[in-house]
Amino acid sequence: MRNILQPFSLPDQTGRTWLVTGATNGLGKEVAAAAAGAGAHVIVAARDTQRAQRVQRDLGNASVLPLDLANLSSIRAAADSLDRPVDVLVNNAGTVSGDRTETADGFELMLGTNALGPFALTNLVLPRVRERVVIVGSGAHRWRSMDFEDPHFRRRRFSFVAGYGQSKLADMLWGLGLSRRLAEGARETGTQRIAVQLAHPGWAQTNLQNHSPWPLINKWVGFAAHFGGQSASDGAQNILVAATRDLPECSYVGPSGRGELKGAPVLVGRSQAASDPELAERFWAFASAATGTDLPRVRQS
């Protein structure tokens, strides 16, 4: 039987800072509220600054960081304007799309927003991160492989399943590559290691759950989620565990129920591709070239 990571109570976060992307709704809002409720200062990183300001007022001890993960210029501006150390960086924001569209930099939207944008943000703000990086993945990482020959679907046929699955596999590979680099850096400098942890919320009732290209399926998904899934608050527990618990490095936290759709947080498995260090290195090289960012202070092997 897998070790249930509940009952869960968020440790006191007084004096600590969390940077949470996608904190204006759904999972990110739940994570931000929990962190603020435990005493943390929360940086609400979001594209819609008006919504972010409303969340800021609700949280109290919070600030707003304008950030559009589909635009590298916005990511660089956000990193440049970050004016305080961050204890926990939660890469939660993401998007889904039923049609092939592009980011401001010409990336396929889901790959750009869900993986390449967060990859660039993390690289740029990492000198200010003191303790932990959390990457929110998805069981969808098992759906597809990475196509490095045509990652943006410029030649091959686009589908929601292929695009979203690839973007979430990219997150898993990014986490694996980041963990290795930070471990190397800590060994070389004799400094404390920044932890990397991954989590997925299961079938959580959020604003992303029914944005497939098929309206009838969306209606069914929204209805079925009330029975087969769990609330955004329950889904966020997996992220909070990854952000605060003492876990093996680069763990993957998800729901304990059948199909990892709902249930108390546990350590869950990942696909063979998501565990492949060579594939992770290939993704890192691709993402670094695409975004023009890297971890220059860590020797690359």
Foldseek 3Di string as FASTA:
>chain_A
DFDFPDPDDFAQQAPAEEEFEPCLWFLNVLLLQSNLVSHYEYEYEYQPVVSVVVSCVVSVRYHYQHADQLDLVRLLVSLVPDDAAHAEYELDDFAFAFDFDHGPLRAGRRLRRQALSVLQNCLSNVVRYDAEYEHEAALLLVQEEQDPVCNRCPPPDDGRSHNNNNSRLNSLLQLLVVLVQQVQLCVVVVHDGHFYEYEYLAQEPTPRQQNHPDNVVSVVRNVCCVPQAYYSNQSSQQVSCRRGPDDPGHFYWAAPDVVSRGHGIGGDDHDPSSVDNVNSVVSQVVSCVSSVGDNVSTDDD
